[in-house]
Amino acid sequence: MLLCVDVGNTNIKFALYENDKQILKTRFSTDSKKTDDEFAVELYTIFQIYGFDAKAVKGSIISSVVPAVTENLQKAIHKVTNCKPVILGPGVKTGLDLRIDNPSTLGSDIVAMCVAVKEKYSCPAIVIGMGTATTIVYLNENKCYCGGAIMPGVSISLDALTSNGALLPSIELKATKKVIGTNTEDCIRSGIVAGTACSIDGMIELFREETNTNPFIIATGGLANTIAKNCKNDIIINDDLVLEGLISIYNRNN
């Protein structure tokens, strides 16, 4: 079995694969204060709950955008599975041609999701990652990574709005039936969901104009489905894009 781990600012995704087929996916909150032993207990518990033998894991790979978590999580996985994980970063072969100013600064999650798109979908492509930040990046017709844009994520925007507006309540984020809200909660939902969708549509149009292409568009992330339904563009949703990229990268390096 292969254990793929996607460490984001908010959540850590764990997925088990056998012959490149996903057999388990779970997640828990990212906490940079946890020790390697605490991570090990949580990971061991996951294996026990779902009935998998941790020692059957023969390889592991981590994509992490939280450096404070990376080393302790690597140690925890080694303790539980006896496998030392590959850390996606400089020196790891990805097969992705990076045509940007400083390739070493590119987030490992972006690298992984672009590798998955490069190998599984058509290009040119716009790849949208909707996590703590919303990233919109471009792969050209030769499947080279050419850069992109970073926006505040949906949850960050909502938290900033409700925490800094004394009379604005915290809400459950979901799409509304109308853009013109008739109560405060629906007005916030409309502004965040429809407003983000409009921003993404606008950025897609700017990408088209700048590249003079009509790219394939794919999105990933917890809120991608909610936002994409409100976009005018046809956007494919794949919540496992980073994990699928990690499989390809691990296989390339082993």
C-alpha atoms as a PDB file:
ATOM      1  CA  MET A   1       0.000   0.000   0.000  1.00  0.00           C
ATOM      2  CA  LEU A   2       1.011   3.603  -0.618  1.00  0.00           C
ATOM      3  CA  LEU A   3       0.189   6.324   1.921  1.00  0.00           C
ATOM      4  CA  CYS A   4      -0.281   9.788   0.408  1.00  0.00           C
ATOM      5  CA  VAL A   5      -0.536  12.802   2.701  1.00  0.00           C
ATOM      6  CA  ASP A   6      -1.658  16.312   1.740  1.00  0.00           C
ATOM      7  CA  VAL A   7      -0.892  18.818   4.514  1.00  0.00           C
ATOM      8  CA  GLY A   8      -2.849  22.033   4.092  1.00  0.00           C
ATOM      9  CA  ASN A   9      -3.142  25.031   6.362  1.00  0.00           C
ATOM     10  CA  THR A  10      -6.543  23.863   7.620  1.00  0.00           C
ATOM     11  CA  ASN A  11      -6.666  20.078   7.172  1.00  0.00           C
ATOM     12  CA  ILE A  12      -4.394  17.097   6.634  1.00  0.00           C
ATOM     13  CA  LYS A  13      -5.661  14.509   4.158  1.00  0.00           C
ATOM     14  CA  PHE A  14      -4.522  10.903   4.437  1.00  0.00           C
ATOM     15  CA  ALA A  15      -5.201   8.462   1.612  1.00  0.00           C
ATOM     16  CA  LEU A  16      -4.240   4.828   1.153  1.00  0.00           C
ATOM     17  CA  TYR A  17      -3.774   3.406  -2.336  1.00  0.00           C
ATOM     18  CA  GLU A  18      -3.345  -0.145  -3.541  1.00  0.00           C
ATOM     19  CA  ASN A  19      -2.275  -0.531  -7.174  1.00  0.00           C
ATOM     20  CA  ASP A  20      -3.065   3.188  -7.612  1.00  0.00           C
ATOM     21  CA  LYS A  21      -6.667   2.615  -6.451  1.00  0.00           C
ATOM     22  CA  GLN A  22      -7.850   4.583  -3.442  1.00  0.00           C
ATOM     23  CA  ILE A  23      -8.991   2.331  -0.598  1.00  0.00           C
ATOM     24  CA  LEU A  24      -9.186   4.902   2.203  1.00  0.00           C
ATOM     25  CA  LYS A  25      -9.338   8.675   2.563  1.00  0.00           C
ATOM     26  CA  THR A  26      -9.685  10.588   5.802  1.00  0.00           C
ATOM     27  CA  ARG A  27      -8.613  13.885   7.313  1.00  0.00           C
ATOM     28  CA  PHE A  28      -8.036  15.717  10.551  1.00  0.00           C
ATOM     29  CA  SER A  29      -7.280  19.307  11.488  1.00  0.00           C
ATOM     30  CA  THR A  30      -3.798  20.710  10.945  1.00  0.00           C
ATOM     31  CA  ASP A  31      -2.122  21.538  14.250  1.00  0.00           C
ATOM     32  CA  SER A  32       1.481  22.726  14.132  1.00  0.00           C
ATOM     33  CA  LYS A  33       1.836  22.270  17.897  1.00  0.00           C
ATOM     34  CA  LYS A  34       1.423  18.488  17.804  1.00  0.00           C
ATOM     35  CA  THR A  35       4.455  16.325  18.494  1.00  0.00           C
ATOM     36  CA  ASP A  36       5.484  13.395  16.328  1.00  0.00           C
ATOM     37  CA  ASP A  37       4.122  11.035  18.999  1.00  0.00           C
ATOM     38  CA  GLU A  38       0.729  12.765  18.929  1.00  0.00           C
ATOM     39  CA  PHE A  39       0.594  12.469  15.153  1.00  0.00           C
ATOM     40  CA  ALA A  40       1.640   8.828  15.449  1.00  0.00           C
ATOM     41  CA  VAL A  41      -1.211   8.055  17.856  1.00  0.00           C
ATOM     42  CA  GLU A  42      -3.747   9.667  15.512  1.00  0.00           C
ATOM     43  CA  LEU A  43      -2.381   7.872  12.467  1.00  0.00           C
ATOM     44  CA  TYR A  44      -2.231   4.510  14.254  1.00  0.00           C
ATOM     45  CA  THR A  45      -5.828   5.031  15.391  1.00  0.00           C
ATOM     46  CA  ILE A  46      -6.924   5.647  11.803  1.00  0.00           C
ATOM     47  CA  PHE A  47      -5.419   2.312  10.734  1.00  0.00           C
ATOM     48  CA  GLN A  48      -7.104   0.545  13.652  1.00  0.00           C
ATOM     49  CA  ILE A  49     -10.532   2.115  13.062  1.00  0.00           C
ATOM     50  CA  TYR A  50     -10.623   1.194   9.381  1.00  0.00           C
ATOM     51  CA  GLY A  51      -9.022  -2.218   9.785  1.00  0.00           C
ATOM     52  CA  PHE A  52      -5.793  -1.719   7.844  1.00  0.00           C
ATOM     53  CA  ASP A  53      -2.384  -3.082   8.774  1.00  0.00           C
ATOM     54  CA  ALA A  54       0.021  -0.155   9.089  1.00  0.00           C
ATOM     55  CA  LYS A  55       2.978  -2.427   8.355  1.00  0.00           C
ATOM     56  CA  ALA A  56       1.442  -3.262   4.964  1.00  0.00           C
ATOM     57  CA  VAL A  57       2.324   0.278   3.851  1.00  0.00           C
ATOM     58  CA  LYS A  58       5.388  -0.043   1.631  1.00  0.00           C
ATOM     59  CA  GLY A  59       5.782   3.601   0.680  1.00  0.00           C
ATOM     60  CA  SER A  60       4.644   7.091   1.578  1.00  0.00           C
ATOM     61  CA  ILE A  61       4.810  10.631   0.186  1.00  0.00           C
ATOM     62  CA  ILE A  62       3.936  13.982   1.752  1.00  0.00           C
ATOM     63  CA  SER A  63       2.976  17.296   0.220  1.00  0.00           C
ATOM     64  CA  SER A  64       3.058  19.988   2.902  1.00  0.00           C
ATOM     65  CA  VAL A  65       2.545  23.745   2.908  1.00  0.00           C
ATOM     66  CA  VAL A  66       3.020  23.876   6.697  1.00  0.00           C
ATOM     67  CA  PRO A  67       6.750  23.442   7.428  1.00  0.00           C
ATOM     68  CA  ALA A  68       6.165  23.274  11.197  1.00  0.00           C
ATOM     69  CA  VAL A  69       4.161  20.070  10.691  1.00  0.00           C
ATOM     70  CA  THR A  70       6.255  18.346   8.045  1.00  0.00           C
ATOM     71  CA  GLU A  71       9.113  16.877  10.094  1.00  0.00           C
ATOM     72  CA  ASN A  72       6.958  15.642  12.979  1.00  0.00           C
ATOM     73  CA  LEU A  73       4.493  14.063  10.566  1.00  0.00           C
ATOM     74  CA  GLN A  74       7.324  12.387   8.682  1.00  0.00           C
ATOM     75  CA  LYS A  75       8.633  10.930  11.956  1.00  0.00           C
ATOM     76  CA  ALA A  76       5.135   9.772  12.940  1.00  0.00           C
ATOM     77  CA  ILE A  77       4.570   7.953   9.661  1.00  0.00           C
ATOM     78  CA  HIS A  78       7.964   6.271   9.996  1.00  0.00           C
ATOM     79  CA  LYS A  79       7.086   5.105  13.531  1.00  0.00           C
ATOM     80  CA  VAL A  80       3.708   3.709  12.543  1.00  0.00           C
ATOM     81  CA  THR A  81       4.501   2.171   9.140  1.00  0.00           C
ATOM     82  CA  ASN A  82       8.293   1.722   9.258  1.00  0.00           C
ATOM     83  CA  CYS A  83       8.454   3.653   5.968  1.00  0.00           C
ATOM     84  CA  LYS A  84      10.291   6.964   5.686  1.00  0.00           C
ATOM     85  CA  PRO A  85       8.092   9.227   3.533  1.00  0.00           C
ATOM     86  CA  VAL A  86       9.275  11.135   0.486  1.00  0.00           C
ATOM     87  CA  ILE A  87       8.815  14.879   1.090  1.00  0.00           C
ATOM     88  CA  LEU A  88       7.754  16.649  -2.084  1.00  0.00           C
ATOM     89  CA  GLY A  89      10.219  19.496  -2.595  1.00  0.00           C
ATOM     90  CA  PRO A  90      13.460  20.450  -4.353  1.00  0.00           C
ATOM     91  CA  GLY A  91      15.358  17.385  -5.561  1.00  0.00           C
ATOM     92  CA  VAL A  92      12.248  15.247  -6.036  1.00  0.00           C
ATOM     93  CA  LYS A  93      11.595  14.347  -9.663  1.00  0.00           C
ATOM     94  CA  THR A  94       8.138  15.500 -10.797  1.00  0.00           C
ATOM     95  CA  GLY A  95       8.346  15.604 -14.598  1.00  0.00           C
ATOM     96  CA  LEU A  96       6.802  19.095 -14.486  1.00  0.00           C
ATOM     97  CA  ASP A  97       8.550  21.821 -16.496  1.00  0.00           C
ATOM     98  CA  LEU A  98       8.417  24.970 -14.325  1.00  0.00           C
ATOM     99  CA  ARG A  99       8.695  28.177 -16.343  1.00  0.00           C
ATOM    100  CA  ILE A 100       8.650  30.656 -13.484  1.00  0.00           C
ATOM    101  CA  ASP A 101      11.165  33.002 -11.872  1.00  0.00           C
ATOM    102  CA  ASN A 102      12.033  30.852  -8.838  1.00  0.00           C
ATOM    103  CA  PRO A 103      10.797  27.240  -9.041  1.00  0.00           C
ATOM    104  CA  SER A 104      11.914  26.456  -5.470  1.00  0.00           C
ATOM    105  CA  THR A 105       9.225  28.784  -4.082  1.00  0.00           C
ATOM    106  CA  LEU A 106       6.318  26.968  -5.709  1.00  0.00           C
ATOM    107  CA  GLY A 107       4.008  25.237  -3.213  1.00  0.00           C
ATOM    108  CA  SER A 108       4.149  21.454  -3.248  1.00  0.00           C
ATOM    109  CA  ASP A 109       0.347  21.241  -3.429  1.00  0.00           C
ATOM    110  CA  ILE A 110       0.360  23.247  -6.668  1.00  0.00           C
ATOM    111  CA  VAL A 111       3.119  21.027  -8.061  1.00  0.00           C
ATOM    112  CA  ALA A 112       1.166  17.859  -7.214  1.00  0.00           C
ATOM    113  CA  MET A 113      -2.157  19.010  -8.653  1.00  0.00           C
ATOM    114  CA  CYS A 114      -0.457  20.222 -11.850  1.00  0.00           C
ATOM    115  CA  VAL A 115       1.324  16.885 -12.251  1.00  0.00           C
ATOM    116  CA  ALA A 116      -2.061  15.147 -12.008  1.00  0.00           C
ATOM    117  CA  VAL A 117      -3.567  17.470 -14.630  1.00  0.00           C
ATOM    118  CA  LYS A 118      -0.533  17.073 -16.894  1.00  0.00           C
ATOM    119  CA  GLU A 119      -0.873  13.293 -16.837  1.00  0.00           C
ATOM    120  CA  LYS A 120      -4.651  12.834 -16.758  1.00  0.00           C
ATOM    121  CA  TYR A 121      -6.225  15.770 -18.630  1.00  0.00           C
ATOM    122  CA  SER A 122      -5.827  17.843 -21.752  1.00  0.00           C
ATOM    123  CA  CYS A 123      -3.759  21.022 -21.938  1.00  0.00           C
ATOM    124  CA  PRO A 124      -3.648  24.000 -22.078  1.00  0.00           C
ATOM    125  CA  ALA A 125      -5.380  24.022 -18.714  1.00  0.00           C
ATOM    126  CA  ILE A 126      -6.353  26.338 -15.907  1.00  0.00           C
ATOM    127  CA  VAL A 127      -6.034  24.616 -12.535  1.00  0.00           C
ATOM    128  CA  ILE A 128      -7.887  26.105  -9.572  1.00  0.00           C
ATOM    129  CA  GLY A 129      -7.058  25.114  -6.009  1.00  0.00           C
ATOM    130  CA  MET A 130      -9.588  26.243  -3.425  1.00  0.00           C
ATOM    131  CA  GLY A 131      -8.097  25.860   0.018  1.00  0.00           C
ATOM    132  CA  THR A 132      -7.012  28.427   2.580  1.00  0.00           C
ATOM    133  CA  ALA A 133      -5.890  30.421  -0.451  1.00  0.00           C
ATOM    134  CA  THR A 134      -7.464  30.226  -3.901  1.00  0.00           C
ATOM    135  CA  THR A 135      -4.782  29.540  -6.506  1.00  0.00           C
ATOM    136  CA  ILE A 136      -5.418  29.853 -10.242  1.00  0.00           C
ATOM    137  CA  VAL A 137      -2.567  28.556 -12.382  1.00  0.00           C
ATOM    138  CA  TYR A 138      -1.884  27.864 -16.050  1.00  0.00           C
ATOM    139  CA  LEU A 139      -0.371  24.910 -17.918  1.00  0.00           C
ATOM    140  CA  ASN A 140       0.372  25.650 -21.573  1.00  0.00           C
ATOM    141  CA  GLU A 141      -0.214  23.419 -24.585  1.00  0.00           C
ATOM    142  CA  ASN A 142       3.144  21.708 -23.908  1.00  0.00           C
ATOM    143  CA  LYS A 143       2.022  20.951 -20.327  1.00  0.00           C
ATOM    144  CA  CYS A 144       4.546  23.383 -18.838  1.00  0.00           C
ATOM    145  CA  TYR A 145       3.695  25.290 -15.661  1.00  0.00           C
ATOM    146  CA  CYS A 146       3.672  28.985 -16.553  1.00  0.00           C
ATOM    147  CA  GLY A 147       2.539  30.670 -13.325  1.00  0.00           C
ATOM    148  CA  GLY A 148      -0.757  32.052 -12.105  1.00  0.00           C
ATOM    149  CA  ALA A 149      -2.498  34.080  -9.416  1.00  0.00           C
ATOM    150  CA  ILE A 150      -3.234  33.770  -5.690  1.00  0.00           C
ATOM    151  CA  MET A 151      -6.378  35.140  -4.024  1.00  0.00           C
ATOM    152  CA  PRO A 152      -7.681  34.986  -0.444  1.00  0.00           C
ATOM    153  CA  GLY A 153      -9.543  31.727   0.063  1.00  0.00           C
ATOM    154  CA  VAL A 154     -13.295  31.579   0.540  1.00  0.00           C
ATOM    155  CA  SER A 155     -13.101  30.797   4.263  1.00  0.00           C
ATOM    156  CA  ILE A 156     -10.512  33.533   4.869  1.00  0.00           C
ATOM    157  CA  SER A 157     -12.726  36.070   3.117  1.00  0.00           C
ATOM    158  CA  LEU A 158     -15.753  35.011   5.142  1.00  0.00           C
ATOM    159  CA  ASP A 159     -13.848  35.026   8.453  1.00  0.00           C
ATOM    160  CA  ALA A 160     -12.365  38.451   7.755  1.00  0.00           C
ATOM    161  CA  LEU A 161     -15.787  39.840   6.923  1.00  0.00           C
ATOM    162  CA  THR A 162     -17.656  38.484   9.927  1.00  0.00           C
ATOM    163  CA  SER A 163     -14.859  39.040  12.472  1.00  0.00           C
ATOM    164  CA  ASN A 164     -14.326  42.659  11.462  1.00  0.00           C
ATOM    165  CA  GLY A 165     -17.980  43.578  10.946  1.00  0.00           C
ATOM    166  CA  ALA A 166     -19.542  44.045  14.373  1.00  0.00           C
ATOM    167  CA  LEU A 167     -23.089  43.467  13.124  1.00  0.00           C
ATOM    168  CA  LEU A 168     -22.284  40.694  10.646  1.00  0.00           C
ATOM    169  CA  PRO A 169     -23.032  37.182  11.966  1.00  0.00           C
ATOM    170  CA  SER A 170     -21.023  34.019  11.418  1.00  0.00           C
ATOM    171  CA  ILE A 171     -22.893  31.812   8.944  1.00  0.00           C
ATOM    172  CA  GLU A 172     -22.889  28.405   7.326  1.00  0.00           C
ATOM    173  CA  LEU A 173     -21.474  28.863   3.862  1.00  0.00           C
ATOM    174  CA  LYS A 174     -23.771  27.631   1.102  1.00  0.00           C
ATOM    175  CA  ALA A 175     -25.111  28.895  -2.196  1.00  0.00           C
ATOM    176  CA  THR A 176     -28.275  30.985  -2.291  1.00  0.00           C
ATOM    177  CA  LYS A 177     -31.120  30.752  -4.776  1.00  0.00           C
ATOM    178  CA  LYS A 178     -30.920  34.483  -5.514  1.00  0.00           C
ATOM    179  CA  VAL A 179     -28.016  36.872  -5.870  1.00  0.00           C
ATOM    180  CA  ILE A 180     -30.024  39.684  -4.281  1.00  0.00           C
ATOM    181  CA  GLY A 181     -30.339  38.598  -0.660  1.00  0.00           C
ATOM    182  CA  THR A 182     -33.260  39.684   1.491  1.00  0.00           C
ATOM    183  CA  ASN A 183     -31.612  39.079   4.876  1.00  0.00           C
ATOM    184  CA  THR A 184     -28.117  39.626   6.247  1.00  0.00           C
ATOM    185  CA  GLU A 185     -27.139  35.950   6.171  1.00  0.00           C
ATOM    186  CA  ASP A 186     -28.137  35.476   2.524  1.00  0.00           C
ATOM    187  CA  CYS A 187     -26.500  38.758   1.564  1.00  0.00           C
ATOM    188  CA  ILE A 188     -23.214  37.488   3.004  1.00  0.00           C
ATOM    189  CA  ARG A 189     -23.624  34.103   1.298  1.00  0.00           C
ATOM    190  CA  SER A 190     -24.345  35.783  -2.018  1.00  0.00           C
ATOM    191  CA  GLY A 191     -21.368  38.088  -1.708  1.00  0.00           C
ATOM    192  CA  ILE A 192     -18.958  35.315  -0.773  1.00  0.00           C
ATOM    193  CA  VAL A 193     -20.186  32.507  -3.053  1.00  0.00           C
ATOM    194  CA  ALA A 194     -21.410  34.449  -6.098  1.00  0.00           C
ATOM    195  CA  GLY A 195     -18.702  37.070  -5.635  1.00  0.00           C
ATOM    196  CA  THR A 196     -15.952  34.428  -5.598  1.00  0.00           C
ATOM    197  CA  ALA A 197     -17.506  32.724  -8.632  1.00  0.00           C
ATOM    198  CA  CYS A 198     -17.498  36.017 -10.518  1.00  0.00           C
ATOM    199  CA  SER A 199     -13.868  36.612  -9.540  1.00  0.00           C
ATOM    200  CA  ILE A 200     -12.887  33.193 -10.843  1.00  0.00           C
ATOM    201  CA  ASP A 201     -14.851  33.711 -14.070  1.00  0.00           C
ATOM    202  CA  GLY A 202     -13.117  37.069 -14.505  1.00  0.00           C
ATOM    203  CA  MET A 203      -9.674  35.578 -13.925  1.00  0.00           C
ATOM    204  CA  ILE A 204     -10.389  32.756 -16.385  1.00  0.00           C
ATOM    205  CA  GLU A 205     -11.295  35.337 -19.013  1.00  0.00           C
ATOM    206  CA  LEU A 206      -8.090  37.284 -18.328  1.00  0.00           C
ATOM    207  CA  PHE A 207      -6.060  34.065 -18.645  1.00  0.00           C
ATOM    208  CA  ARG A 208      -7.756  33.349 -21.982  1.00  0.00           C
ATOM    209  CA  GLU A 209      -6.991  36.828 -23.282  1.00  0.00           C
ATOM    210  CA  GLU A 210      -3.368  36.768 -22.128  1.00  0.00           C
ATOM    211  CA  THR A 211      -2.617  33.311 -23.543  1.00  0.00           C
ATOM    212  CA  ASN A 212      -4.930  33.487 -26.571  1.00  0.00           C
ATOM    213  CA  THR A 213      -6.130  29.960 -25.766  1.00  0.00           C
ATOM    214  CA  ASN A 214      -9.332  28.229 -24.704  1.00  0.00           C
ATOM    215  CA  PRO A 215      -8.015  26.081 -21.851  1.00  0.00           C
ATOM    216  CA  PHE A 216      -9.537  23.100 -20.102  1.00  0.00           C
ATOM    217  CA  ILE A 217     -10.564  24.135 -16.560  1.00  0.00           C
ATOM    218  CA  ILE A 218     -10.407  21.969 -13.458  1.00  0.00           C
ATOM    219  CA  ALA A 219     -10.791  22.766  -9.770  1.00  0.00           C
ATOM    220  CA  THR A 220     -10.046  21.026  -6.488  1.00  0.00           C
ATOM    221  CA  GLY A 221     -10.596  21.796  -2.815  1.00  0.00           C
ATOM    222  CA  GLY A 222     -13.311  21.573  -0.199  1.00  0.00           C
ATOM    223  CA  LEU A 223     -15.463  24.422  -1.515  1.00  0.00           C
ATOM    224  CA  ALA A 224     -14.689  23.959  -5.207  1.00  0.00           C
ATOM    225  CA  ASN A 225     -18.002  22.262  -5.971  1.00  0.00           C
ATOM    226  CA  THR A 226     -20.088  24.985  -4.265  1.00  0.00           C
ATOM    227  CA  ILE A 227     -18.270  27.792  -6.061  1.00  0.00           C
ATOM    228  CA  ALA A 228     -18.014  26.082  -9.469  1.00  0.00           C
ATOM    229  CA  LYS A 229     -21.796  25.630  -9.643  1.00  0.00           C
ATOM    230  CA  ASN A 230     -22.093  29.419  -9.603  1.00  0.00           C
ATOM    231  CA  CYS A 231     -19.471  30.005 -12.299  1.00  0.00           C
ATOM    232  CA  LYS A 232     -20.437  30.613 -15.920  1.00  0.00           C
ATOM    233  CA  ASN A 233     -17.501  28.545 -17.155  1.00  0.00           C
ATOM    234  CA  ASP A 234     -17.590  24.758 -17.361  1.00  0.00           C
ATOM    235  CA  ILE A 235     -15.304  23.581 -14.560  1.00  0.00           C
ATOM    236  CA  ILE A 236     -14.459  19.942 -13.840  1.00  0.00           C
ATOM    237  CA  ILE A 237     -14.205  19.093 -10.125  1.00  0.00           C
ATOM    238  CA  ASN A 238     -11.658  16.605  -8.801  1.00  0.00           C
ATOM    239  CA  ASP A 239     -11.222  16.713  -5.024  1.00  0.00           C
ATOM    240  CA  ASP A 240      -8.328  14.229  -5.147  1.00  0.00           C
ATOM    241  CA  LEU A 241      -6.141  16.138  -7.590  1.00  0.00           C
ATOM    242  CA  VAL A 242      -3.232  16.659  -5.159  1.00  0.00           C
ATOM    243  CA  LEU A 243      -3.357  13.038  -3.997  1.00  0.00           C
ATOM    244  CA  GLU A 244      -3.384  11.741  -7.582  1.00  0.00           C
ATOM    245  CA  GLY A 245      -0.378  13.906  -8.354  1.00  0.00           C
ATOM    246  CA  LEU A 246       1.435  12.491  -5.338  1.00  0.00           C
ATOM    247  CA  ILE A 247       0.927   8.943  -6.632  1.00  0.00           C
ATOM    248  CA  SER A 248       2.497   9.880  -9.961  1.00  0.00           C
ATOM    249  CA  ILE A 249       5.428  11.639  -8.291  1.00  0.00           C
ATOM    250  CA  TYR A 250       6.062   8.751  -5.910  1.00  0.00           C
ATOM    251  CA  ASN A 251       6.044   6.247  -8.799  1.00  0.00           C
ATOM    252  CA  ARG A 252       8.446   8.453 -10.759  1.00  0.00           C
ATOM    253  CA  ASN A 253      10.892   8.482  -7.856  1.00  0.00           C
ATOM    254  CA  ASN A 254      10.600   4.774  -7.060  1.00  0.00           C
END
